[in-house]
């Protein structure tokens, strides 16, 4: 029997630098059910390892569908089991006993997960406006972004973006559907909203210019 630590769900958004809605979307995509204790929710260390693997995949430019296909194409990558509560620890939170490891990641995926954790531990001066710079870079280079990439940049749920339809605007950019990316995700082009028309001269200025033209010898 093996004891598995529980990690509070509330700590994960800051761990990955994403919004809470994005975290719930990842949990749903990975079919992870959190462990409820009273009003608090937790994930096991094995589930955390899977989330770290998905985040590392995103950091390398991958998509959720690609990660899921990678797992589905390698059945030995994940081994599921049923957790049963045992005696509570010193904090009053029951430990969960597993008959076998819940997940076993391949070396390449494990390395990516470790790199993602290290990046989160290294202090950075990340600006809250970085997402605008990244959108500007994508606009300047004509890159097509996937729904998950735009969701992470804007801090929105992927379903919310999909429900916007074929085009929507945010932060001064126009996002339009243009096809699909590898893995089946929707591809979006990025443009900028048109500037307003040139300001019309005031009536006083127009009258002065009219009299000037009429009486100028």
N, C-alpha and C. Protein backbone atom coordinates (compact mmCIF):
# COMPACT_ATOMS: atom_id res chain seq x y z
N UNK A 1 0.84 -1.19 0.00
CA UNK A 1 0.00 0.00 0.00
C UNK A 1 0.87 1.25 0.00
N UNK A 2 0.46 2.30 -0.66
CA UNK A 2 1.28 3.50 -0.80
C UNK A 2 0.47 4.73 -0.44
N UNK A 3 0.99 5.55 0.47
CA UNK A 3 0.31 6.78 0.83
C UNK A 3 0.57 7.86 -0.20
N UNK A 4 -0.47 8.61 -0.51
CA UNK A 4 -0.36 9.67 -1.52
C UNK A 4 -0.74 10.99 -0.89
N UNK A 5 0.12 11.99 -1.02
CA UNK A 5 -0.16 13.31 -0.47
C UNK A 5 -1.25 13.99 -1.28
N UNK A 6 -1.95 14.91 -0.64
CA UNK A 6 -2.99 15.69 -1.30
C UNK A 6 -2.53 17.14 -1.41
N UNK A 7 -2.73 17.71 -2.60
CA UNK A 7 -2.31 19.09 -2.87
C UNK A 7 -3.56 19.94 -3.04
N UNK A 8 -3.70 21.05 -2.31
CA UNK A 8 -4.89 21.91 -2.44
C UNK A 8 -5.07 22.41 -3.87
N UNK A 9 -6.29 22.33 -4.35
CA UNK A 9 -6.59 22.79 -5.71
C UNK A 9 -6.35 24.29 -5.85
N UNK A 10 -6.52 25.02 -4.75
CA UNK A 10 -6.37 26.48 -4.78
C UNK A 10 -4.95 26.93 -5.07
N UNK A 11 -3.96 26.03 -4.91
CA UNK A 11 -2.57 26.40 -5.15
C UNK A 11 -2.17 26.26 -6.63
N UNK A 12 -2.98 25.57 -7.42
CA UNK A 12 -2.57 25.24 -8.78
C UNK A 12 -2.59 26.41 -9.77
N UNK A 13 -3.57 27.35 -9.70
CA UNK A 13 -3.53 28.47 -10.65
C UNK A 13 -2.22 29.25 -10.59
N UNK A 14 -1.71 29.52 -9.36
CA UNK A 14 -0.45 30.24 -9.24
C UNK A 14 0.73 29.36 -9.65
N UNK A 15 0.60 28.08 -9.46
CA UNK A 15 1.67 27.14 -9.85
C UNK A 15 1.91 27.19 -11.36
N UNK A 16 0.82 27.30 -12.13
CA UNK A 16 0.95 27.30 -13.59
C UNK A 16 0.81 28.68 -14.21
N UNK A 17 0.46 29.69 -13.39
CA UNK A 17 0.31 31.03 -13.92
C UNK A 17 -0.90 31.18 -14.82
N UNK A 18 -2.00 30.51 -14.47
CA UNK A 18 -3.22 30.55 -15.28
C UNK A 18 -4.41 30.94 -14.42
N UNK A 19 -5.51 31.26 -15.07
CA UNK A 19 -6.73 31.59 -14.34
C UNK A 19 -7.38 30.32 -13.81
N UNK A 20 -8.22 30.47 -12.78
CA UNK A 20 -8.88 29.31 -12.19
C UNK A 20 -9.76 28.60 -13.21
N UNK A 21 -10.41 29.38 -14.10
CA UNK A 21 -11.27 28.76 -15.11
C UNK A 21 -10.46 27.87 -16.05
N UNK A 22 -9.22 28.29 -16.37
CA UNK A 22 -8.37 27.47 -17.23
C UNK A 22 -7.97 26.18 -16.53
N UNK A 23 -7.75 26.27 -15.21
CA UNK A 23 -7.40 25.06 -14.46
C UNK A 23 -8.55 24.06 -14.49
N UNK A 24 -9.78 24.54 -14.26
CA UNK A 24 -10.93 23.65 -14.29
C UNK A 24 -11.09 23.01 -15.67
N UNK A 25 -10.76 23.78 -16.70
CA UNK A 25 -10.87 23.24 -18.05
C UNK A 25 -9.85 22.11 -18.25
N UNK A 26 -8.64 22.29 -17.71
CA UNK A 26 -7.61 21.25 -17.83
C UNK A 26 -8.02 20.00 -17.05
N UNK A 27 -8.60 20.20 -15.86
CA UNK A 27 -9.06 19.05 -15.08
C UNK A 27 -10.13 18.27 -15.84
N UNK A 28 -11.02 19.00 -16.50
CA UNK A 28 -12.08 18.35 -17.27
C UNK A 28 -11.50 17.60 -18.46
N UNK A 29 -10.54 18.22 -19.16
CA UNK A 29 -9.94 17.56 -20.33
C UNK A 29 -9.21 16.29 -19.93
N UNK A 30 -8.56 16.30 -18.77
CA UNK A 30 -7.79 15.14 -18.31
C UNK A 30 -8.65 14.16 -17.51
N UNK A 31 -9.96 14.51 -17.36
CA UNK A 31 -10.89 13.65 -16.61
C UNK A 31 -10.39 13.40 -15.18
N UNK A 32 -9.87 14.46 -14.58
CA UNK A 32 -9.39 14.38 -13.20
C UNK A 32 -10.51 14.84 -12.26
N UNK A 33 -10.86 13.99 -11.31
CA UNK A 33 -11.86 14.34 -10.30
C UNK A 33 -11.12 14.67 -9.00
N UNK A 34 -11.31 15.87 -8.52
CA UNK A 34 -10.62 16.29 -7.30
C UNK A 34 -11.18 15.55 -6.08
N UNK A 35 -10.37 15.50 -5.04
CA UNK A 35 -10.78 14.87 -3.79
C UNK A 35 -11.38 15.95 -2.89
N UNK A 36 -12.64 15.79 -2.52
CA UNK A 36 -13.33 16.80 -1.72
C UNK A 36 -13.21 16.46 -0.24
N UNK A 37 -12.81 17.46 0.56
CA UNK A 37 -12.77 17.35 2.01
C UNK A 37 -13.44 18.59 2.57
N UNK A 38 -14.71 18.44 2.98
CA UNK A 38 -15.47 19.60 3.43
C UNK A 38 -15.70 20.55 2.26
N UNK A 39 -15.29 21.80 2.44
CA UNK A 39 -15.46 22.81 1.39
C UNK A 39 -14.21 22.97 0.55
N UNK A 40 -13.19 22.16 0.83
CA UNK A 40 -11.93 22.26 0.10
C UNK A 40 -11.78 21.09 -0.87
N UNK A 41 -11.02 21.33 -1.95
CA UNK A 41 -10.76 20.30 -2.95
C UNK A 41 -9.25 20.09 -3.10
N UNK A 42 -8.87 18.86 -3.38
CA UNK A 42 -7.45 18.51 -3.50
C UNK A 42 -7.24 17.62 -4.72
N UNK A 43 -5.98 17.53 -5.15
CA UNK A 43 -5.58 16.54 -6.15
C UNK A 43 -4.46 15.71 -5.54
N UNK A 44 -4.34 14.49 -6.02
CA UNK A 44 -3.27 13.63 -5.53
C UNK A 44 -1.96 14.00 -6.21
N UNK A 45 -0.86 13.50 -5.66
CA UNK A 45 0.44 13.79 -6.27
C UNK A 45 0.54 13.19 -7.67
N UNK A 46 -0.16 12.06 -7.89
CA UNK A 46 -0.16 11.44 -9.22
C UNK A 46 -0.92 12.31 -10.21
N UNK A 47 -2.06 12.86 -9.77
CA UNK A 47 -2.83 13.76 -10.64
C UNK A 47 -2.05 15.03 -10.92
N UNK A 48 -1.31 15.51 -9.91
CA UNK A 48 -0.48 16.70 -10.10
C UNK A 48 0.60 16.44 -11.15
N UNK A 49 1.15 15.25 -11.14
CA UNK A 49 2.18 14.89 -12.12
C UNK A 49 1.60 14.93 -13.53
N UNK A 50 0.37 14.48 -13.68
CA UNK A 50 -0.28 14.52 -14.99
C UNK A 50 -0.53 15.96 -15.42
N UNK A 51 -0.97 16.81 -14.49
CA UNK A 51 -1.19 18.22 -14.80
C UNK A 51 0.12 18.91 -15.18
N UNK A 52 1.20 18.56 -14.47
CA UNK A 52 2.52 19.12 -14.79
C UNK A 52 2.94 18.71 -16.20
N UNK A 53 2.63 17.45 -16.56
CA UNK A 53 2.98 16.98 -17.90
C UNK A 53 2.23 17.75 -18.98
N UNK A 54 0.94 18.03 -18.75
CA UNK A 54 0.15 18.79 -19.71
C UNK A 54 0.68 20.22 -19.81
N UNK A 55 1.04 20.83 -18.66
CA UNK A 55 1.56 22.20 -18.69
C UNK A 55 2.88 22.26 -19.46
N UNK A 56 3.74 21.27 -19.24
CA UNK A 56 5.02 21.22 -19.96
C UNK A 56 4.77 21.08 -21.45
N UNK A 57 3.74 20.33 -21.81
CA UNK A 57 3.38 20.16 -23.23
C UNK A 57 2.96 21.50 -23.82
N UNK A 58 2.19 22.29 -23.06
CA UNK A 58 1.79 23.62 -23.50
C UNK A 58 3.01 24.53 -23.66
N UNK A 59 3.95 24.44 -22.71
CA UNK A 59 5.15 25.27 -22.76
C UNK A 59 5.96 24.99 -24.02
N UNK A 60 5.88 23.76 -24.52
CA UNK A 60 6.61 23.39 -25.74
C UNK A 60 5.81 23.69 -27.00
N UNK A 61 4.65 24.36 -26.85
CA UNK A 61 3.84 24.73 -28.00
C UNK A 61 2.82 23.68 -28.40
N UNK A 62 2.61 22.67 -27.58
CA UNK A 62 1.65 21.63 -27.90
C UNK A 62 0.24 22.01 -27.51
N UNK A 63 -0.71 21.12 -27.80
CA UNK A 63 -2.12 21.35 -27.50
C UNK A 63 -2.65 20.22 -26.62
N UNK A 64 -3.83 20.47 -26.07
CA UNK A 64 -4.45 19.46 -25.21
C UNK A 64 -4.73 18.18 -25.98
N UNK A 65 -5.27 18.32 -27.19
CA UNK A 65 -5.59 17.13 -27.99
C UNK A 65 -4.34 16.31 -28.30
N UNK A 66 -3.24 16.99 -28.57
CA UNK A 66 -1.99 16.27 -28.85
C UNK A 66 -1.53 15.49 -27.62
N UNK A 67 -1.66 16.12 -26.46
CA UNK A 67 -1.24 15.45 -25.22
C UNK A 67 -2.11 14.23 -24.95
N UNK A 68 -3.43 14.39 -25.14
CA UNK A 68 -4.34 13.27 -24.91
C UNK A 68 -4.08 12.14 -25.90
N UNK A 69 -3.79 12.50 -27.16
CA UNK A 69 -3.48 11.46 -28.15
C UNK A 69 -2.20 10.73 -27.78
N UNK A 70 -1.23 11.47 -27.24
CA UNK A 70 0.03 10.85 -26.84
C UNK A 70 -0.21 9.83 -25.74
N UNK A 71 -1.09 10.17 -24.80
CA UNK A 71 -1.41 9.24 -23.72
C UNK A 71 -2.20 8.05 -24.24
N UNK A 72 -3.20 8.32 -25.11
CA UNK A 72 -4.04 7.24 -25.64
C UNK A 72 -3.25 6.28 -26.52
N UNK A 73 -2.23 6.82 -27.21
CA UNK A 73 -1.43 5.96 -28.09
C UNK A 73 -0.38 5.17 -27.32
N UNK A 74 -0.21 5.50 -26.03
CA UNK A 74 0.74 4.77 -25.18
C UNK A 74 0.01 4.31 -23.93
N UNK A 75 -0.72 3.20 -24.00
CA UNK A 75 -1.53 2.74 -22.86
C UNK A 75 -0.73 2.59 -21.58
N UNK A 76 0.58 2.23 -21.68
CA UNK A 76 1.38 2.05 -20.48
C UNK A 76 1.78 3.36 -19.85
N UNK A 77 1.43 4.48 -20.50
CA UNK A 77 1.81 5.79 -19.97
C UNK A 77 1.04 6.10 -18.70
N UNK A 78 -0.22 5.65 -18.63
CA UNK A 78 -1.06 5.92 -17.48
C UNK A 78 -1.68 4.64 -16.97
N UNK A 79 -1.62 4.40 -15.68
CA UNK A 79 -2.26 3.25 -15.06
C UNK A 79 -3.19 3.77 -13.99
N UNK A 80 -4.48 3.50 -14.13
CA UNK A 80 -5.45 4.02 -13.18
C UNK A 80 -5.69 3.03 -12.05
N UNK A 81 -6.15 3.54 -10.93
CA UNK A 81 -6.49 2.70 -9.79
C UNK A 81 -7.52 3.42 -8.95
N UNK A 82 -8.05 2.73 -7.95
CA UNK A 82 -9.06 3.32 -7.09
C UNK A 82 -8.46 3.68 -5.76
N UNK A 83 -8.73 4.88 -5.27
CA UNK A 83 -8.18 5.34 -4.00
C UNK A 83 -9.18 5.08 -2.88
N UNK A 84 -8.67 4.67 -1.72
CA UNK A 84 -9.51 4.44 -0.56
C UNK A 84 -8.91 5.21 0.61
N UNK A 85 -9.75 5.95 1.37
CA UNK A 85 -9.22 6.73 2.48
C UNK A 85 -8.74 5.85 3.61
N UNK A 86 -7.63 6.25 4.25
CA UNK A 86 -7.12 5.56 5.42
C UNK A 86 -7.14 6.52 6.59
N UNK A 87 -6.31 6.30 7.56
CA UNK A 87 -6.31 7.16 8.74
C UNK A 87 -5.92 8.59 8.39
N UNK A 88 -6.46 9.56 9.14
CA UNK A 88 -6.17 10.97 8.87
C UNK A 88 -4.77 11.30 9.34
N UNK A 89 -4.17 12.31 8.67
CA UNK A 89 -2.86 12.76 9.09
C UNK A 89 -3.00 13.81 10.19
N UNK A 90 -1.89 14.47 10.54
CA UNK A 90 -1.91 15.42 11.66
C UNK A 90 -2.78 16.63 11.40
N UNK A 91 -3.09 16.92 10.11
CA UNK A 91 -3.92 18.08 9.77
C UNK A 91 -5.38 17.71 9.68
N UNK A 92 -5.70 16.43 9.95
CA UNK A 92 -7.09 16.01 9.88
C UNK A 92 -7.55 15.65 8.50
N UNK A 93 -6.63 15.63 7.51
CA UNK A 93 -6.97 15.28 6.13
C UNK A 93 -6.61 13.82 5.90
N UNK A 94 -7.57 12.99 5.50
CA UNK A 94 -7.27 11.57 5.34
C UNK A 94 -6.29 11.32 4.22
N UNK A 95 -5.38 10.37 4.46
CA UNK A 95 -4.48 9.93 3.39
C UNK A 95 -5.22 8.95 2.51
N UNK A 96 -4.78 8.83 1.28
CA UNK A 96 -5.43 7.92 0.34
C UNK A 96 -4.46 6.82 -0.03
N UNK A 97 -4.90 5.56 0.12
CA UNK A 97 -4.07 4.43 -0.20
C UNK A 97 -4.38 3.91 -1.59
N UNK A 98 -3.35 3.63 -2.35
CA UNK A 98 -3.50 3.13 -3.70
C UNK A 98 -2.90 1.73 -3.79
N UNK A 99 -3.59 0.86 -4.48
CA UNK A 99 -3.08 -0.49 -4.66
C UNK A 99 -1.92 -0.51 -5.64
N UNK A 100 -1.85 0.49 -6.50
CA UNK A 100 -0.77 0.58 -7.46
C UNK A 100 -0.63 2.05 -7.87
N UNK A 101 0.52 2.44 -8.43
CA UNK A 101 0.70 3.84 -8.85
C UNK A 101 -0.39 4.26 -9.82
N UNK A 102 -0.89 5.48 -9.65
CA UNK A 102 -1.95 5.97 -10.52
C UNK A 102 -1.42 6.33 -11.90
N UNK A 103 -0.20 6.86 -11.95
CA UNK A 103 0.32 7.30 -13.25
C UNK A 103 1.83 7.06 -13.32
N UNK A 104 2.26 6.66 -14.49
CA UNK A 104 3.69 6.48 -14.73
C UNK A 104 4.04 7.17 -16.03
N UNK A 105 4.82 8.23 -15.95
CA UNK A 105 5.14 9.02 -17.14
C UNK A 105 6.43 8.51 -17.78
N UNK A 106 6.46 8.57 -19.11
CA UNK A 106 7.67 8.23 -19.83
C UNK A 106 8.75 9.26 -19.50
N UNK A 107 10.03 8.90 -19.63
CA UNK A 107 11.12 9.83 -19.28
C UNK A 107 11.00 11.19 -19.95
N UNK A 108 10.64 11.21 -21.25
CA UNK A 108 10.57 12.50 -21.96
C UNK A 108 9.49 13.39 -21.37
N UNK A 109 8.34 12.79 -21.01
CA UNK A 109 7.25 13.58 -20.42
C UNK A 109 7.62 14.02 -19.01
N UNK A 110 8.29 13.13 -18.27
CA UNK A 110 8.69 13.46 -16.91
C UNK A 110 9.68 14.62 -16.89
N UNK A 111 10.63 14.62 -17.84
CA UNK A 111 11.60 15.71 -17.93
C UNK A 111 10.89 17.02 -18.20
N UNK A 112 9.89 16.99 -19.10
CA UNK A 112 9.14 18.20 -19.41
C UNK A 112 8.39 18.72 -18.19
N UNK A 113 7.84 17.78 -17.40
CA UNK A 113 7.12 18.17 -16.19
C UNK A 113 8.05 18.82 -15.18
N UNK A 114 9.24 18.25 -15.03
CA UNK A 114 10.22 18.81 -14.10
C UNK A 114 10.65 20.20 -14.54
N UNK A 115 10.87 20.38 -15.85
CA UNK A 115 11.26 21.70 -16.37
C UNK A 115 10.19 22.73 -16.09
N UNK A 116 8.91 22.33 -16.22
CA UNK A 116 7.81 23.26 -15.96
C UNK A 116 7.81 23.70 -14.50
N UNK A 117 8.06 22.74 -13.59
CA UNK A 117 8.09 23.07 -12.16
C UNK A 117 9.26 24.01 -11.85
N UNK A 118 10.43 23.73 -12.44
CA UNK A 118 11.61 24.57 -12.21
C UNK A 118 11.34 25.99 -12.68
N UNK A 119 10.68 26.13 -13.84
CA UNK A 119 10.37 27.47 -14.35
C UNK A 119 9.49 28.25 -13.38
N UNK A 120 8.57 27.51 -12.70
CA UNK A 120 7.70 28.18 -11.76
C UNK A 120 8.44 28.60 -10.49
N UNK A 121 9.52 27.88 -10.16
CA UNK A 121 10.27 28.17 -8.94
C UNK A 121 11.27 29.29 -9.11
N UNK A 122 11.72 29.52 -10.36
CA UNK A 122 12.72 30.57 -10.61
C UNK A 122 12.02 31.93 -10.63
N UNK A 123 12.45 32.87 -9.79
CA UNK A 123 11.81 34.18 -9.75
C UNK A 123 11.94 34.89 -11.11
N UNK A 124 10.88 35.50 -11.54
CA UNK A 124 10.90 36.26 -12.79
C UNK A 124 10.20 37.60 -12.57
N UNK A 125 10.52 38.54 -13.44
CA UNK A 125 9.87 39.85 -13.40
C UNK A 125 8.82 39.92 -14.49
N UNK A 126 7.99 38.89 -14.55
CA UNK A 126 6.98 38.78 -15.60
C UNK A 126 5.95 39.90 -15.44
N UNK A 127 5.79 40.66 -16.48
CA UNK A 127 4.84 41.76 -16.46
C UNK A 127 3.43 41.24 -16.74
N UNK A 128 2.46 41.90 -16.14
CA UNK A 128 1.06 41.52 -16.38
C UNK A 128 0.63 41.88 -17.80
N UNK A 129 1.47 42.65 -18.50
CA UNK A 129 1.15 43.03 -19.88
C UNK A 129 1.86 42.14 -20.89
N UNK A 130 2.53 41.11 -20.43
CA UNK A 130 3.26 40.24 -21.35
C UNK A 130 2.35 39.61 -22.39
N UNK A 131 1.09 39.32 -22.00
CA UNK A 131 0.19 38.68 -22.94
C UNK A 131 -0.09 39.59 -24.14
N UNK A 132 -0.08 40.93 -23.89
CA UNK A 132 -0.28 41.87 -24.99
C UNK A 132 0.92 41.87 -25.93
N UNK A 133 2.11 41.77 -25.37
CA UNK A 133 3.31 41.70 -26.20
C UNK A 133 3.32 40.43 -27.04
N UNK A 134 2.88 39.34 -26.45
CA UNK A 134 2.83 38.07 -27.19
C UNK A 134 1.79 38.12 -28.29
N UNK A 135 0.66 38.76 -28.02
CA UNK A 135 -0.35 38.92 -29.07
C UNK A 135 0.16 39.82 -30.19
N UNK A 136 0.87 40.88 -29.81
CA UNK A 136 1.45 41.79 -30.81
C UNK A 136 2.47 41.04 -31.67
N UNK A 137 3.27 40.19 -31.05
CA UNK A 137 4.27 39.41 -31.79
C UNK A 137 3.59 38.45 -32.77
N UNK A 138 2.51 37.82 -32.30
CA UNK A 138 1.77 36.90 -33.18
C UNK A 138 1.14 37.67 -34.34
N UNK A 139 0.64 38.90 -34.06
CA UNK A 139 0.05 39.73 -35.11
C UNK A 139 1.10 40.16 -36.13
N UNK A 140 2.26 40.61 -35.66
CA UNK A 140 3.31 41.08 -36.55
C UNK A 140 3.84 39.95 -37.45
N UNK A 141 3.90 38.73 -36.92
CA UNK A 141 4.44 37.59 -37.68
C UNK A 141 3.38 36.80 -38.44
N UNK A 142 2.11 37.19 -38.27
CA UNK A 142 1.05 36.49 -38.98
C UNK A 142 0.84 35.06 -38.50
N UNK A 143 1.13 34.81 -37.22
CA UNK A 143 0.98 33.45 -36.69
C UNK A 143 -0.49 33.13 -36.46
N UNK A 144 -0.84 31.87 -36.61
CA UNK A 144 -2.18 31.38 -36.30
C UNK A 144 -2.13 30.68 -34.95
N UNK A 145 -2.93 31.15 -34.01
CA UNK A 145 -2.94 30.58 -32.67
C UNK A 145 -4.13 29.64 -32.49
N UNK A 146 -3.95 28.63 -31.65
CA UNK A 146 -5.03 27.69 -31.37
C UNK A 146 -5.93 28.26 -30.28
N UNK A 147 -7.10 27.64 -30.11
CA UNK A 147 -8.04 28.09 -29.09
C UNK A 147 -7.42 28.03 -27.70
N UNK A 148 -6.69 26.95 -27.40
CA UNK A 148 -6.09 26.81 -26.07
C UNK A 148 -5.03 27.87 -25.83
N UNK A 149 -4.26 28.23 -26.87
CA UNK A 149 -3.23 29.24 -26.73
C UNK A 149 -3.84 30.61 -26.45
N UNK A 150 -4.92 30.94 -27.18
CA UNK A 150 -5.60 32.22 -26.97
C UNK A 150 -6.25 32.23 -25.58
N UNK A 151 -6.81 31.10 -25.17
CA UNK A 151 -7.43 31.01 -23.84
C UNK A 151 -6.42 31.29 -22.75
N UNK A 152 -5.22 30.71 -22.87
CA UNK A 152 -4.18 30.94 -21.86
C UNK A 152 -3.71 32.40 -21.87
N UNK A 153 -3.61 33.00 -23.04
CA UNK A 153 -3.15 34.39 -23.12
C UNK A 153 -4.17 35.36 -22.55
N UNK A 154 -5.45 35.13 -22.84
CA UNK A 154 -6.50 36.05 -22.40
C UNK A 154 -7.06 35.68 -21.04
N UNK A 155 -6.68 34.50 -20.51
CA UNK A 155 -7.20 34.08 -19.22
C UNK A 155 -8.66 33.71 -19.29
N UNK A 156 -9.08 33.12 -20.43
CA UNK A 156 -10.47 32.73 -20.63
C UNK A 156 -10.59 31.23 -20.75
N UNK A 157 -11.83 30.74 -20.63
CA UNK A 157 -12.11 29.33 -20.85
C UNK A 157 -12.18 29.06 -22.34
N UNK A 158 -11.68 27.90 -22.77
CA UNK A 158 -11.72 27.56 -24.20
C UNK A 158 -13.16 27.54 -24.73
N UNK A 159 -14.09 27.07 -23.92
CA UNK A 159 -15.49 27.02 -24.35
C UNK A 159 -16.04 28.42 -24.57
N UNK A 160 -15.60 29.36 -23.73
CA UNK A 160 -16.05 30.75 -23.88
C UNK A 160 -15.61 31.30 -25.23
N UNK A 161 -14.35 31.04 -25.58
CA UNK A 161 -13.83 31.53 -26.86
C UNK A 161 -14.56 30.88 -28.03
N UNK A 162 -14.81 29.57 -27.93
CA UNK A 162 -15.52 28.87 -29.00
C UNK A 162 -16.92 29.44 -29.18
N UNK A 163 -17.57 29.80 -28.08
CA UNK A 163 -18.94 30.32 -28.14
C UNK A 163 -19.01 31.73 -28.73
N UNK A 164 -17.86 32.41 -28.87
CA UNK A 164 -17.87 33.74 -29.46
C UNK A 164 -18.25 33.69 -30.93
N UNK A 165 -18.13 32.52 -31.56
CA UNK A 165 -18.47 32.41 -32.98
C UNK A 165 -17.24 32.48 -33.86
N UNK A 166 -17.41 33.06 -35.04
CA UNK A 166 -16.32 33.09 -36.02
C UNK A 166 -15.37 34.26 -35.83
N UNK A 167 -15.77 35.24 -35.02
CA UNK A 167 -14.91 36.42 -34.83
C UNK A 167 -15.26 37.12 -33.52
N UNK A 168 -14.24 37.62 -32.84
CA UNK A 168 -14.47 38.41 -31.65
C UNK A 168 -13.28 39.34 -31.42
N UNK A 169 -13.47 40.33 -30.59
CA UNK A 169 -12.41 41.30 -30.31
C UNK A 169 -12.10 41.30 -28.82
N UNK A 170 -10.85 41.55 -28.51
CA UNK A 170 -10.41 41.63 -27.11
C UNK A 170 -9.06 42.32 -27.07
N UNK A 171 -8.90 43.24 -26.12
CA UNK A 171 -7.64 43.95 -25.89
C UNK A 171 -7.13 44.65 -27.15
N UNK A 172 -8.04 45.13 -28.00
CA UNK A 172 -7.64 45.85 -29.19
C UNK A 172 -7.28 44.97 -30.37
N UNK A 173 -7.46 43.66 -30.25
CA UNK A 173 -7.16 42.73 -31.34
C UNK A 173 -8.44 42.06 -31.83
N UNK A 174 -8.42 41.69 -33.10
CA UNK A 174 -9.54 40.97 -33.70
C UNK A 174 -9.11 39.53 -33.96
N UNK A 175 -9.88 38.58 -33.44
CA UNK A 175 -9.57 37.16 -33.60
C UNK A 175 -10.63 36.55 -34.53
N UNK A 176 -10.17 35.89 -35.60
CA UNK A 176 -11.08 35.31 -36.58
C UNK A 176 -10.71 33.86 -36.87
N UNK A 177 -11.72 32.99 -36.97
CA UNK A 177 -11.47 31.59 -37.31
C UNK A 177 -11.01 31.47 -38.76
N UNK A 178 -9.96 30.70 -38.96
CA UNK A 178 -9.43 30.54 -40.32
C UNK A 178 -9.18 29.08 -40.69
N UNK A 179 -9.56 28.16 -39.82
CA UNK A 179 -9.33 26.74 -40.13
C UNK A 179 -9.03 25.97 -38.87
N UNK A 180 -8.20 24.94 -39.00
CA UNK A 180 -7.85 24.11 -37.85
C UNK A 180 -6.34 23.90 -37.79
N UNK A 181 -5.85 23.70 -36.58
CA UNK A 181 -4.45 23.39 -36.37
C UNK A 181 -4.29 21.88 -36.26
N UNK A 182 -3.04 21.41 -36.27
CA UNK A 182 -2.80 20.00 -36.04
C UNK A 182 -3.32 19.63 -34.66
N UNK A 183 -4.02 18.50 -34.61
CA UNK A 183 -4.62 18.09 -33.34
C UNK A 183 -6.10 18.42 -33.30
N UNK A 184 -6.60 19.12 -34.32
CA UNK A 184 -8.04 19.38 -34.41
C UNK A 184 -8.51 20.66 -33.77
N UNK A 185 -7.62 21.43 -33.14
CA UNK A 185 -8.06 22.69 -32.53
C UNK A 185 -8.29 23.76 -33.59
N UNK A 186 -9.20 24.68 -33.29
CA UNK A 186 -9.50 25.79 -34.20
C UNK A 186 -8.30 26.72 -34.29
N UNK A 187 -7.99 27.16 -35.51
CA UNK A 187 -6.91 28.12 -35.72
C UNK A 187 -7.51 29.52 -35.85
N UNK A 188 -6.86 30.49 -35.23
CA UNK A 188 -7.34 31.87 -35.23
C UNK A 188 -6.27 32.81 -35.79
N UNK A 189 -6.71 33.70 -36.68
CA UNK A 189 -5.80 34.75 -37.15
C UNK A 189 -5.98 35.96 -36.23
N UNK A 190 -4.97 36.81 -36.19
CA UNK A 190 -5.01 37.98 -35.32
C UNK A 190 -4.83 39.25 -36.15
N UNK A 191 -5.75 40.18 -35.98
CA UNK A 191 -5.67 41.47 -36.66
C UNK A 191 -5.90 42.54 -35.60
N UNK A 192 -5.80 43.80 -36.03
CA UNK A 192 -6.03 44.90 -35.10
C UNK A 192 -7.26 45.68 -35.51
N UNK A 193 -7.94 46.20 -34.52
CA UNK A 193 -9.11 47.01 -34.80
C UNK A 193 -8.71 48.27 -35.55
N UNK A 194 -9.53 48.67 -36.54
CA UNK A 194 -9.25 49.86 -37.35
C UNK A 194 -9.32 51.11 -36.49
N UNK A 195 -8.45 52.04 -36.81
CA UNK A 195 -8.46 53.30 -36.07
C UNK A 195 -9.69 54.10 -36.47
N UNK A 196 -10.12 54.98 -35.59
CA UNK A 196 -11.24 55.85 -35.92
C UNK A 196 -10.83 56.81 -37.04
N UNK A 197 -11.82 57.33 -37.75
CA UNK A 197 -11.55 58.25 -38.85
C UNK A 197 -10.85 59.50 -38.32
N UNK A 198 -10.13 60.17 -39.21
CA UNK A 198 -9.43 61.39 -38.81
C UNK A 198 -10.43 62.39 -38.24
N UNK A 199 -10.10 63.08 -37.17
CA UNK A 199 -11.04 64.04 -36.56
C UNK A 199 -11.43 65.14 -37.53
N UNK A 200 -12.72 65.48 -37.50
CA UNK A 200 -13.24 66.53 -38.39
C UNK A 200 -12.90 67.89 -37.79
N UNK A 201 -12.40 68.82 -38.58
CA UNK A 201 -12.05 70.14 -38.05
C UNK A 201 -13.26 70.81 -37.42
N UNK A 202 -13.02 71.59 -36.37
CA UNK A 202 -14.13 72.27 -35.71
C UNK A 202 -14.73 73.30 -36.65
N UNK A 203 -15.99 73.69 -36.39
CA UNK A 203 -16.69 74.64 -37.25
C UNK A 203 -15.98 75.99 -37.26
N UNK A 204 -15.43 76.38 -36.09
CA UNK A 204 -14.73 77.67 -36.01
C UNK A 204 -13.53 77.68 -36.94
N UNK A 205 -12.77 76.60 -36.92
CA UNK A 205 -11.60 76.51 -37.78
C UNK A 205 -12.00 76.53 -39.24
N UNK A 206 -13.11 75.83 -39.59
CA UNK A 206 -13.55 75.79 -40.98
C UNK A 206 -13.96 77.18 -41.47
N UNK A 207 -14.65 77.96 -40.62
CA UNK A 207 -15.09 79.30 -41.02
C UNK A 207 -13.88 80.20 -41.24
N UNK A 208 -12.91 80.11 -40.36
CA UNK A 208 -11.71 80.93 -40.51
C UNK A 208 -11.00 80.61 -41.81
N UNK A 209 -10.91 79.30 -42.13
CA UNK A 209 -10.23 78.91 -43.36
C UNK A 209 -11.01 79.39 -44.58
N UNK A 210 -12.37 79.39 -44.49
CA UNK A 210 -13.20 79.84 -45.61
C UNK A 210 -12.98 81.33 -45.87
N UNK A 211 -13.01 82.16 -44.80
CA UNK A 211 -12.79 83.59 -44.97
C UNK A 211 -11.38 83.88 -45.44
N UNK A 212 -10.43 83.09 -44.98
CA UNK A 212 -9.06 83.29 -45.39
C UNK A 212 -8.90 83.04 -46.87
N UNK A 213 -9.55 81.99 -47.39
CA UNK A 213 -9.46 81.67 -48.81
C UNK A 213 -10.18 82.73 -49.65
N UNK A 214 -11.28 83.29 -49.12
CA UNK A 214 -12.08 84.22 -49.90
C UNK A 214 -11.41 85.59 -50.02
N UNK A 215 -10.72 86.02 -48.98
CA UNK A 215 -10.16 87.37 -48.97
C UNK A 215 -8.65 87.41 -49.14
N UNK A 216 -8.05 86.27 -49.31
CA UNK A 216 -6.60 86.24 -49.49
C UNK A 216 -6.29 86.71 -50.91
N UNK A 217 -5.56 87.85 -51.07
CA UNK A 217 -5.30 88.39 -52.44
C UNK A 217 -4.40 87.46 -53.25
